[in-house]
Amino acid sequence: MTTGQMSYDLRRLRHHGLIERIPHSHRYQVTDTGLSTAMFISAVHDRLLPTGLADLQNPVPTRLRAATHAYQTAIDDLTHTKGLAA
């Protein structure tokens, strides 16, 4: 990671209120919002992602697979209507 990439990432995290700079240093600390966001994302990853991915692989039709198919069909229809490459 270059210094430019690091600077960009830190700026974005600070802009969204997930980290804050420690005064008179080049260090940052996680804010309460940043900690809550990280805990939420971890919970979603641990609880929903494995179940959802397994649901998509299941040969038995599920609501998630139907929604995925409908979403993909809508995107395909839009790209076809607008003459874009799929």
PDB file of N, CA and C in Angstrom:
ATOM      1  N   MET A   1       0.853  -1.170   0.000  1.00  0.00           N
ATOM      2  CA  MET A   1       0.000   0.000   0.000  1.00  0.00           C
ATOM      3  C   MET A   1       0.900   1.234   0.000  1.00  0.00           C
ATOM      4  N   THR A   2       0.630   2.126  -0.908  1.00  0.00           N
ATOM      5  CA  THR A   2       1.440   3.339  -0.984  1.00  0.00           C
ATOM      6  C   THR A   2       0.961   4.365   0.041  1.00  0.00           C
ATOM      7  N   THR A   3       1.781   5.398   0.257  1.00  0.00           N
ATOM      8  CA  THR A   3       1.378   6.437   1.201  1.00  0.00           C
ATOM      9  C   THR A   3       0.139   7.185   0.704  1.00  0.00           C
ATOM     10  N   GLY A   4       0.020   7.325  -0.623  1.00  0.00           N
ATOM     11  CA  GLY A   4      -1.165   7.970  -1.183  1.00  0.00           C
ATOM     12  C   GLY A   4      -2.428   7.172  -0.917  1.00  0.00           C
ATOM     13  N   GLN A   5      -2.348   5.850  -1.068  1.00  0.00           N
ATOM     14  CA  GLN A   5      -3.502   4.987  -0.793  1.00  0.00           C
ATOM     15  C   GLN A   5      -3.870   5.044   0.691  1.00  0.00           C
ATOM     16  N   MET A   6      -2.857   5.019   1.552  1.00  0.00           N
ATOM     17  CA  MET A   6      -3.106   5.085   2.999  1.00  0.00           C
ATOM     18  C   MET A   6      -3.759   6.416   3.360  1.00  0.00           C
ATOM     19  N   SER A   7      -3.259   7.493   2.801  1.00  0.00           N
ATOM     20  CA  SER A   7      -3.816   8.810   3.075  1.00  0.00           C
ATOM     21  C   SER A   7      -5.281   8.885   2.628  1.00  0.00           C
ATOM     22  N   TYR A   8      -5.559   8.347   1.458  1.00  0.00           N
ATOM     23  CA  TYR A   8      -6.926   8.339   0.934  1.00  0.00           C
ATOM     24  C   TYR A   8      -7.853   7.535   1.847  1.00  0.00           C
ATOM     25  N   ASP A   9      -7.432   6.329   2.235  1.00  0.00           N
ATOM     26  CA  ASP A   9      -8.262   5.476   3.092  1.00  0.00           C
ATOM     27  C   ASP A   9      -8.515   6.131   4.445  1.00  0.00           C
ATOM     28  N   LEU A  10      -7.473   6.707   5.053  1.00  0.00           N
ATOM     29  CA  LEU A  10      -7.652   7.371   6.346  1.00  0.00           C
ATOM     30  C   LEU A  10      -8.582   8.574   6.223  1.00  0.00           C
ATOM     31  N   ARG A  11      -8.441   9.327   5.142  1.00  0.00           N
ATOM     32  CA  ARG A  11      -9.310  10.481   4.930  1.00  0.00           C
ATOM     33  C   ARG A  11     -10.767  10.062   4.801  1.00  0.00           C
ATOM     34  N   ARG A  12     -11.031   8.990   4.066  1.00  0.00           N
ATOM     35  CA  ARG A  12     -12.401   8.503   3.905  1.00  0.00           C
ATOM     36  C   ARG A  12     -12.979   8.007   5.233  1.00  0.00           C
ATOM     37  N   LEU A  13     -12.190   7.257   5.988  1.00  0.00           N
ATOM     38  CA  LEU A  13     -12.657   6.774   7.286  1.00  0.00           C
ATOM     39  C   LEU A  13     -12.946   7.948   8.229  1.00  0.00           C
ATOM     40  N   ARG A  14     -12.067   8.957   8.211  1.00  0.00           N
ATOM     41  CA  ARG A  14     -12.275  10.128   9.062  1.00  0.00           C
ATOM     42  C   ARG A  14     -13.494  10.915   8.604  1.00  0.00           C
ATOM     43  N   HIS A  15     -13.687  11.033   7.298  1.00  0.00           N
ATOM     44  CA  HIS A  15     -14.845  11.753   6.744  1.00  0.00           C
ATOM     45  C   HIS A  15     -16.164  11.110   7.178  1.00  0.00           C
ATOM     46  N   HIS A  16     -16.191   9.791   7.260  1.00  0.00           N
ATOM     47  CA  HIS A  16     -17.400   9.069   7.651  1.00  0.00           C
ATOM     48  C   HIS A  16     -17.534   8.939   9.166  1.00  0.00           C
ATOM     49  N   GLY A  17     -16.599   9.496   9.914  1.00  0.00           N
ATOM     50  CA  GLY A  17     -16.696   9.492  11.368  1.00  0.00           C
ATOM     51  C   GLY A  17     -16.352   8.164  12.011  1.00  0.00           C
ATOM     52  N   LEU A  18     -15.610   7.304  11.306  1.00  0.00           N
ATOM     53  CA  LEU A  18     -15.262   5.991  11.860  1.00  0.00           C
ATOM     54  C   LEU A  18     -13.964   6.028  12.651  1.00  0.00           C
ATOM     55  N   ILE A  19     -13.100   7.008  12.342  1.00  0.00           N
ATOM     56  CA  ILE A  19     -11.873   7.210  13.107  1.00  0.00           C
ATOM     57  C   ILE A  19     -11.699   8.689  13.351  1.00  0.00           C
ATOM     58  N   GLU A  20     -10.840   9.022  14.324  1.00  0.00           N
ATOM     59  CA  GLU A  20     -10.498  10.415  14.575  1.00  0.00           C
ATOM     60  C   GLU A  20      -9.012  10.493  14.881  1.00  0.00           C
ATOM     61  N   ARG A  21      -8.426  11.606  14.513  1.00  0.00           N
ATOM     62  CA  ARG A  21      -7.000  11.775  14.709  1.00  0.00           C
ATOM     63  C   ARG A  21      -6.711  12.136  16.156  1.00  0.00           C
ATOM     64  N   ILE A  22      -5.673  11.560  16.707  1.00  0.00           N
ATOM     65  CA  ILE A  22      -5.228  11.909  18.051  1.00  0.00           C
ATOM     66  C   ILE A  22      -4.427  13.206  17.920  1.00  0.00           C
ATOM     67  N   PRO A  23      -4.803  14.234  18.672  1.00  0.00           N
ATOM     68  CA  PRO A  23      -4.130  15.539  18.527  1.00  0.00           C
ATOM     69  C   PRO A  23      -2.608  15.439  18.720  1.00  0.00           C
ATOM     70  N   HIS A  24      -1.888  16.216  17.937  1.00  0.00           N
ATOM     71  CA  HIS A  24      -0.423  16.338  18.008  1.00  0.00           C
ATOM     72  C   HIS A  24       0.296  15.025  17.737  1.00  0.00           C
ATOM     73  N   SER A  25      -0.291  14.171  16.897  1.00  0.00           N
ATOM     74  CA  SER A  25       0.371  12.918  16.533  1.00  0.00           C
ATOM     75  C   SER A  25      -0.074  12.510  15.135  1.00  0.00           C
ATOM     76  N   HIS A  26       0.530  11.460  14.631  1.00  0.00           N
ATOM     77  CA  HIS A  26       0.138  10.903  13.340  1.00  0.00           C
ATOM     78  C   HIS A  26      -0.686   9.636  13.540  1.00  0.00           C
ATOM     79  N   ARG A  27      -1.336   9.516  14.691  1.00  0.00           N
ATOM     80  CA  ARG A  27      -2.094   8.314  15.034  1.00  0.00           C
ATOM     81  C   ARG A  27      -3.588   8.617  15.023  1.00  0.00           C
ATOM     82  N   TYR A  28      -4.366   7.540  14.871  1.00  0.00           N
ATOM     83  CA  TYR A  28      -5.824   7.643  14.848  1.00  0.00           C
ATOM     84  C   TYR A  28      -6.406   6.672  15.866  1.00  0.00           C
ATOM     85  N   GLN A  29      -7.625   6.954  16.293  1.00  0.00           N
ATOM     86  CA  GLN A  29      -8.344   6.016  17.152  1.00  0.00           C
ATOM     87  C   GLN A  29      -9.748   5.815  16.601  1.00  0.00           C
ATOM     88  N   VAL A  30     -10.295   4.654  16.880  1.00  0.00           N
ATOM     89  CA  VAL A  30     -11.638   4.312  16.412  1.00  0.00           C
ATOM     90  C   VAL A  30     -12.652   5.060  17.263  1.00  0.00           C
ATOM     91  N   THR A  31     -13.663   5.620  16.610  1.00  0.00           N
ATOM     92  CA  THR A  31     -14.734   6.321  17.320  1.00  0.00           C
ATOM     93  C   THR A  31     -15.784   5.308  17.780  1.00  0.00           C
ATOM     94  N   ASP A  32     -16.712   5.769  18.592  1.00  0.00           N
ATOM     95  CA  ASP A  32     -17.819   4.900  19.007  1.00  0.00           C
ATOM     96  C   ASP A  32     -18.626   4.446  17.800  1.00  0.00           C
ATOM     97  N   THR A  33     -18.837   5.356  16.851  1.00  0.00           N
ATOM     98  CA  THR A  33     -19.552   5.008  15.621  1.00  0.00           C
ATOM     99  C   THR A  33     -18.779   3.957  14.841  1.00  0.00           C
ATOM    100  N   GLY A  34     -17.465   4.121  14.747  1.00  0.00           N
ATOM    101  CA  GLY A  34     -16.632   3.162  14.032  1.00  0.00           C
ATOM    102  C   GLY A  34     -16.669   1.785  14.669  1.00  0.00           C
ATOM    103  N   LEU A  35     -16.656   1.741  15.995  1.00  0.00           N
ATOM    104  CA  LEU A  35     -16.715   0.466  16.702  1.00  0.00           C
ATOM    105  C   LEU A  35     -18.082  -0.194  16.501  1.00  0.00           C
ATOM    106  N   SER A  36     -19.151   0.583  16.591  1.00  0.00           N
ATOM    107  CA  SER A  36     -20.492   0.033  16.374  1.00  0.00           C
ATOM    108  C   SER A  36     -20.640  -0.498  14.952  1.00  0.00           C
ATOM    109  N   THR A  37     -20.107   0.245  13.993  1.00  0.00           N
ATOM    110  CA  THR A  37     -20.174  -0.178  12.592  1.00  0.00           C
ATOM    111  C   THR A  37     -19.406  -1.473  12.381  1.00  0.00           C
ATOM    112  N   ALA A  38     -18.214  -1.562  12.954  1.00  0.00           N
ATOM    113  CA  ALA A  38     -17.405  -2.775  12.817  1.00  0.00           C
ATOM    114  C   ALA A  38     -18.099  -3.977  13.463  1.00  0.00           C
ATOM    115  N   MET A  39     -18.722  -3.772  14.606  1.00  0.00           N
ATOM    116  CA  MET A  39     -19.434  -4.872  15.272  1.00  0.00           C
ATOM    117  C   MET A  39     -20.637  -5.317  14.444  1.00  0.00           C
ATOM    118  N   PHE A  40     -21.358  -4.363  13.855  1.00  0.00           N
ATOM    119  CA  PHE A  40     -22.511  -4.693  13.022  1.00  0.00           C
ATOM    120  C   PHE A  40     -22.076  -5.489  11.799  1.00  0.00           C
ATOM    121  N   ILE A  41     -21.036  -5.020  11.122  1.00  0.00           N
ATOM    122  CA  ILE A  41     -20.562  -5.710   9.918  1.00  0.00           C
ATOM    123  C   ILE A  41     -20.070  -7.105  10.260  1.00  0.00           C
ATOM    124  N   SER A  42     -19.400  -7.257  11.398  1.00  0.00           N
ATOM    125  CA  SER A  42     -18.943  -8.582  11.821  1.00  0.00           C
ATOM    126  C   SER A  42     -20.118  -9.516  12.081  1.00  0.00           C
ATOM    127  N   ALA A  43     -21.161  -8.993  12.720  1.00  0.00           N
ATOM    128  CA  ALA A  43     -22.341  -9.812  12.998  1.00  0.00           C
ATOM    129  C   ALA A  43     -23.031 -10.237  11.712  1.00  0.00           C
ATOM    130  N   VAL A  44     -23.155  -9.307  10.773  1.00  0.00           N
ATOM    131  CA  VAL A  44     -23.770  -9.632   9.483  1.00  0.00           C
ATOM    132  C   VAL A  44     -22.943 -10.696   8.776  1.00  0.00           C
ATOM    133  N   HIS A  45     -21.636 -10.521   8.787  1.00  0.00           N
ATOM    134  CA  HIS A  45     -20.753 -11.485   8.126  1.00  0.00           C
ATOM    135  C   HIS A  45     -20.888 -12.866   8.755  1.00  0.00           C
ATOM    136  N   ASP A  46     -20.873 -12.919  10.079  1.00  0.00           N
ATOM    137  CA  ASP A  46     -20.905 -14.212  10.774  1.00  0.00           C
ATOM    138  C   ASP A  46     -22.257 -14.898  10.700  1.00  0.00           C
ATOM    139  N   ARG A  47     -23.341 -14.138  10.733  1.00  0.00           N
ATOM    140  CA  ARG A  47     -24.671 -14.739  10.816  1.00  0.00           C
ATOM    141  C   ARG A  47     -25.393 -14.879   9.485  1.00  0.00           C
ATOM    142  N   LEU A  48     -25.317 -13.859   8.651  1.00  0.00           N
ATOM    143  CA  LEU A  48     -26.129 -13.844   7.442  1.00  0.00           C
ATOM    144  C   LEU A  48     -25.400 -14.331   6.197  1.00  0.00           C
ATOM    145  N   LEU A  49     -24.158 -13.961   6.038  1.00  0.00           N
ATOM    146  CA  LEU A  49     -23.455 -14.286   4.809  1.00  0.00           C
ATOM    147  C   LEU A  49     -23.339 -15.789   4.571  1.00  0.00           C
ATOM    148  N   PRO A  50     -22.877 -16.588   5.531  1.00  0.00           N
ATOM    149  CA  PRO A  50     -22.793 -18.028   5.273  1.00  0.00           C
ATOM    150  C   PRO A  50     -24.159 -18.659   4.975  1.00  0.00           C
ATOM    151  N   THR A  51     -25.182 -18.235   5.705  1.00  0.00           N
ATOM    152  CA  THR A  51     -26.524 -18.774   5.497  1.00  0.00           C
ATOM    153  C   THR A  51     -27.054 -18.370   4.125  1.00  0.00           C
ATOM    154  N   GLY A  52     -26.861 -17.103   3.765  1.00  0.00           N
ATOM    155  CA  GLY A  52     -27.337 -16.627   2.473  1.00  0.00           C
ATOM    156  C   GLY A  52     -26.627 -17.304   1.312  1.00  0.00           C
ATOM    157  N   LEU A  53     -25.307 -17.474   1.426  1.00  0.00           N
ATOM    158  CA  LEU A  53     -24.560 -18.146   0.364  1.00  0.00           C
ATOM    159  C   LEU A  53     -24.976 -19.609   0.238  1.00  0.00           C
ATOM    160  N   ALA A  54     -25.205 -20.268   1.367  1.00  0.00           N
ATOM    161  CA  ALA A  54     -25.667 -21.653   1.326  1.00  0.00           C
ATOM    162  C   ALA A  54     -27.058 -21.730   0.700  1.00  0.00           C
ATOM    163  N   ASP A  55     -27.889 -20.737   0.988  1.00  0.00           N
ATOM    164  CA  ASP A  55     -29.235 -20.688   0.427  1.00  0.00           C
ATOM    165  C   ASP A  55     -29.191 -20.551  -1.095  1.00  0.00           C
ATOM    166  N   LEU A  56     -28.236 -19.786  -1.596  1.00  0.00           N
ATOM    167  CA  LEU A  56     -28.114 -19.613  -3.046  1.00  0.00           C
ATOM    168  C   LEU A  56     -27.637 -20.894  -3.732  1.00  0.00           C
ATOM    169  N   GLN A  57     -26.887 -21.730  -3.026  1.00  0.00           N
ATOM    170  CA  GLN A  57     -26.377 -22.975  -3.593  1.00  0.00           C
ATOM    171  C   GLN A  57     -27.375 -24.129  -3.476  1.00  0.00           C
ATOM    172  N   ASN A  58     -28.387 -23.952  -2.650  1.00  0.00           N
ATOM    173  CA  ASN A  58     -29.375 -24.991  -2.400  1.00  0.00           C
ATOM    174  C   ASN A  58     -30.200 -25.246  -3.671  1.00  0.00           C
ATOM    175  N   PRO A  59     -30.320 -26.498  -4.114  1.00  0.00           N
ATOM    176  CA  PRO A  59     -31.100 -26.776  -5.332  1.00  0.00           C
ATOM    177  C   PRO A  59     -32.603 -26.557  -5.150  1.00  0.00           C
ATOM    178  N   VAL A  60     -33.067 -26.564  -3.916  1.00  0.00           N
ATOM    179  CA  VAL A  60     -34.491 -26.334  -3.642  1.00  0.00           C
ATOM    180  C   VAL A  60     -34.768 -24.831  -3.772  1.00  0.00           C
ATOM    181  N   PRO A  61     -35.805 -24.438  -4.511  1.00  0.00           N
ATOM    182  CA  PRO A  61     -36.103 -23.008  -4.668  1.00  0.00           C
ATOM    183  C   PRO A  61     -36.357 -22.325  -3.317  1.00  0.00           C
ATOM    184  N   THR A  62     -35.751 -21.159  -3.140  1.00  0.00           N
ATOM    185  CA  THR A  62     -35.936 -20.367  -1.919  1.00  0.00           C
ATOM    186  C   THR A  62     -36.298 -18.946  -2.317  1.00  0.00           C
ATOM    187  N   ARG A  63     -36.754 -18.164  -1.343  1.00  0.00           N
ATOM    188  CA  ARG A  63     -37.104 -16.769  -1.606  1.00  0.00           C
ATOM    189  C   ARG A  63     -35.876 -15.965  -2.027  1.00  0.00           C
ATOM    190  N   LEU A  64     -34.729 -16.276  -1.441  1.00  0.00           N
ATOM    191  CA  LEU A  64     -33.506 -15.557  -1.785  1.00  0.00           C
ATOM    192  C   LEU A  64     -33.085 -15.847  -3.220  1.00  0.00           C
ATOM    193  N   ARG A  65     -33.180 -17.093  -3.639  1.00  0.00           N
ATOM    194  CA  ARG A  65     -32.837 -17.446  -5.015  1.00  0.00           C
ATOM    195  C   ARG A  65     -33.811 -16.793  -5.992  1.00  0.00           C
ATOM    196  N   ALA A  66     -35.087 -16.736  -5.632  1.00  0.00           N
ATOM    197  CA  ALA A  66     -36.081 -16.087  -6.502  1.00  0.00           C
ATOM    198  C   ALA A  66     -35.778 -14.595  -6.630  1.00  0.00           C
ATOM    199  N   ALA A  67     -35.422 -13.966  -5.524  1.00  0.00           N
ATOM    200  CA  ALA A  67     -35.088 -12.538  -5.558  1.00  0.00           C
ATOM    201  C   ALA A  67     -33.831 -12.300  -6.387  1.00  0.00           C
ATOM    202  N   THR A  68     -32.848 -13.167  -6.250  1.00  0.00           N
ATOM    203  CA  THR A  68     -31.616 -13.049  -7.037  1.00  0.00           C
ATOM    204  C   THR A  68     -31.913 -13.178  -8.522  1.00  0.00           C
ATOM    205  N   HIS A  69     -32.759 -14.135  -8.872  1.00  0.00           N
ATOM    206  CA  HIS A  69     -33.119 -14.335 -10.270  1.00  0.00           C
ATOM    207  C   HIS A  69     -33.877 -13.120 -10.818  1.00  0.00           C
ATOM    208  N   ALA A  70     -34.812 -12.593 -10.035  1.00  0.00           N
ATOM    209  CA  ALA A  70     -35.585 -11.428 -10.468  1.00  0.00           C
ATOM    210  C   ALA A  70     -34.677 -10.215 -10.650  1.00  0.00           C
ATOM    211  N   TYR A  71     -33.736 -10.025  -9.741  1.00  0.00           N
ATOM    212  CA  TYR A  71     -32.793  -8.910  -9.826  1.00  0.00           C
ATOM    213  C   TYR A  71     -31.921  -9.046 -11.078  1.00  0.00           C
ATOM    214  N   GLN A  72     -31.397 -10.236 -11.320  1.00  0.00           N
ATOM    215  CA  GLN A  72     -30.557 -10.466 -12.491  1.00  0.00           C
ATOM    216  C   GLN A  72     -31.346 -10.267 -13.786  1.00  0.00           C
ATOM    217  N   THR A  73     -32.588 -10.737 -13.824  1.00  0.00           N
ATOM    218  CA  THR A  73     -33.440 -10.560 -14.997  1.00  0.00           C
ATOM    219  C   THR A  73     -33.694  -9.074 -15.260  1.00  0.00           C
ATOM    220  N   ALA A  74     -33.940  -8.302 -14.207  1.00  0.00           N
ATOM    221  CA  ALA A  74     -34.175  -6.864 -14.359  1.00  0.00           C
ATOM    222  C   ALA A  74     -32.933  -6.167 -14.911  1.00  0.00           C
ATOM    223  N   ILE A  75     -31.760  -6.540 -14.442  1.00  0.00           N
ATOM    224  CA  ILE A  75     -30.519  -5.948 -14.955  1.00  0.00           C
ATOM    225  C   ILE A  75     -30.313  -6.341 -16.415  1.00  0.00           C
ATOM    226  N   ASP A  76     -30.542  -7.604 -16.749  1.00  0.00           N
ATOM    227  CA  ASP A  76     -30.405  -8.060 -18.138  1.00  0.00           C
ATOM    228  C   ASP A  76     -31.370  -7.313 -19.058  1.00  0.00           C
ATOM    229  N   ASP A  77     -32.616  -7.134 -18.610  1.00  0.00           N
ATOM    230  CA  ASP A  77     -33.608  -6.408 -19.409  1.00  0.00           C
ATOM    231  C   ASP A  77     -33.196  -4.952 -19.623  1.00  0.00           C
ATOM    232  N   LEU A  78     -32.679  -4.322 -18.580  1.00  0.00           N
ATOM    233  CA  LEU A  78     -32.250  -2.926 -18.676  1.00  0.00           C
ATOM    234  C   LEU A  78     -31.073  -2.785 -19.637  1.00  0.00           C
ATOM    235  N   THR A  79     -30.090  -3.669 -19.533  1.00  0.00           N
ATOM    236  CA  THR A  79     -28.939  -3.567 -20.418  1.00  0.00           C
ATOM    237  C   THR A  79     -29.344  -3.845 -21.874  1.00  0.00           C
ATOM    238  N   HIS A  80     -30.280  -4.753 -22.066  1.00  0.00           N
ATOM    239  CA  HIS A  80     -30.756  -5.039 -23.415  1.00  0.00           C
ATOM    240  C   HIS A  80     -31.527  -3.851 -23.986  1.00  0.00           C
ATOM    241  N   THR A  81     -32.395  -3.244 -23.169  1.00  0.00           N
ATOM    242  CA  THR A  81     -33.198  -2.097 -23.595  1.00  0.00           C
ATOM    243  C   THR A  81     -32.310  -0.910 -23.955  1.00  0.00           C
ATOM    244  N   LYS A  82     -31.263  -0.676 -23.172  1.00  0.00           N
ATOM    245  CA  LYS A  82     -30.377   0.468 -23.393  1.00  0.00           C
ATOM    246  C   LYS A  82     -29.273   0.180 -24.395  1.00  0.00           C
ATOM    247  N   GLY A  83     -29.200  -1.082 -24.864  1.00  0.00           N
ATOM    248  CA  GLY A  83     -28.203  -1.438 -25.845  1.00  0.00           C
ATOM    249  C   GLY A  83     -26.795  -1.538 -25.286  1.00  0.00           C
ATOM    250  N   LEU A  84     -26.685  -1.853 -24.010  1.00  0.00           N
ATOM    251  CA  LEU A  84     -25.388  -1.993 -23.365  1.00  0.00           C
ATOM    252  C   LEU A  84     -24.929  -3.436 -23.422  1.00  0.00           C
ATOM    253  N   ALA A  85     -23.631  -3.649 -23.308  1.00  0.00           N
ATOM    254  CA  ALA A  85     -23.103  -5.010 -23.260  1.00  0.00           C
ATOM    255  C   ALA A  85     -23.447  -5.619 -21.923  1.00  0.00           C
ATOM    256  N   ALA A  86     -23.821  -6.888 -21.935  1.00  0.00           N
ATOM    257  CA  ALA A  86     -24.226  -7.541 -20.692  1.00  0.00           C
ATOM    258  C   ALA A  86     -23.086  -7.873 -19.815  1.00  0.00           C
TER     259      ALA A  86
END
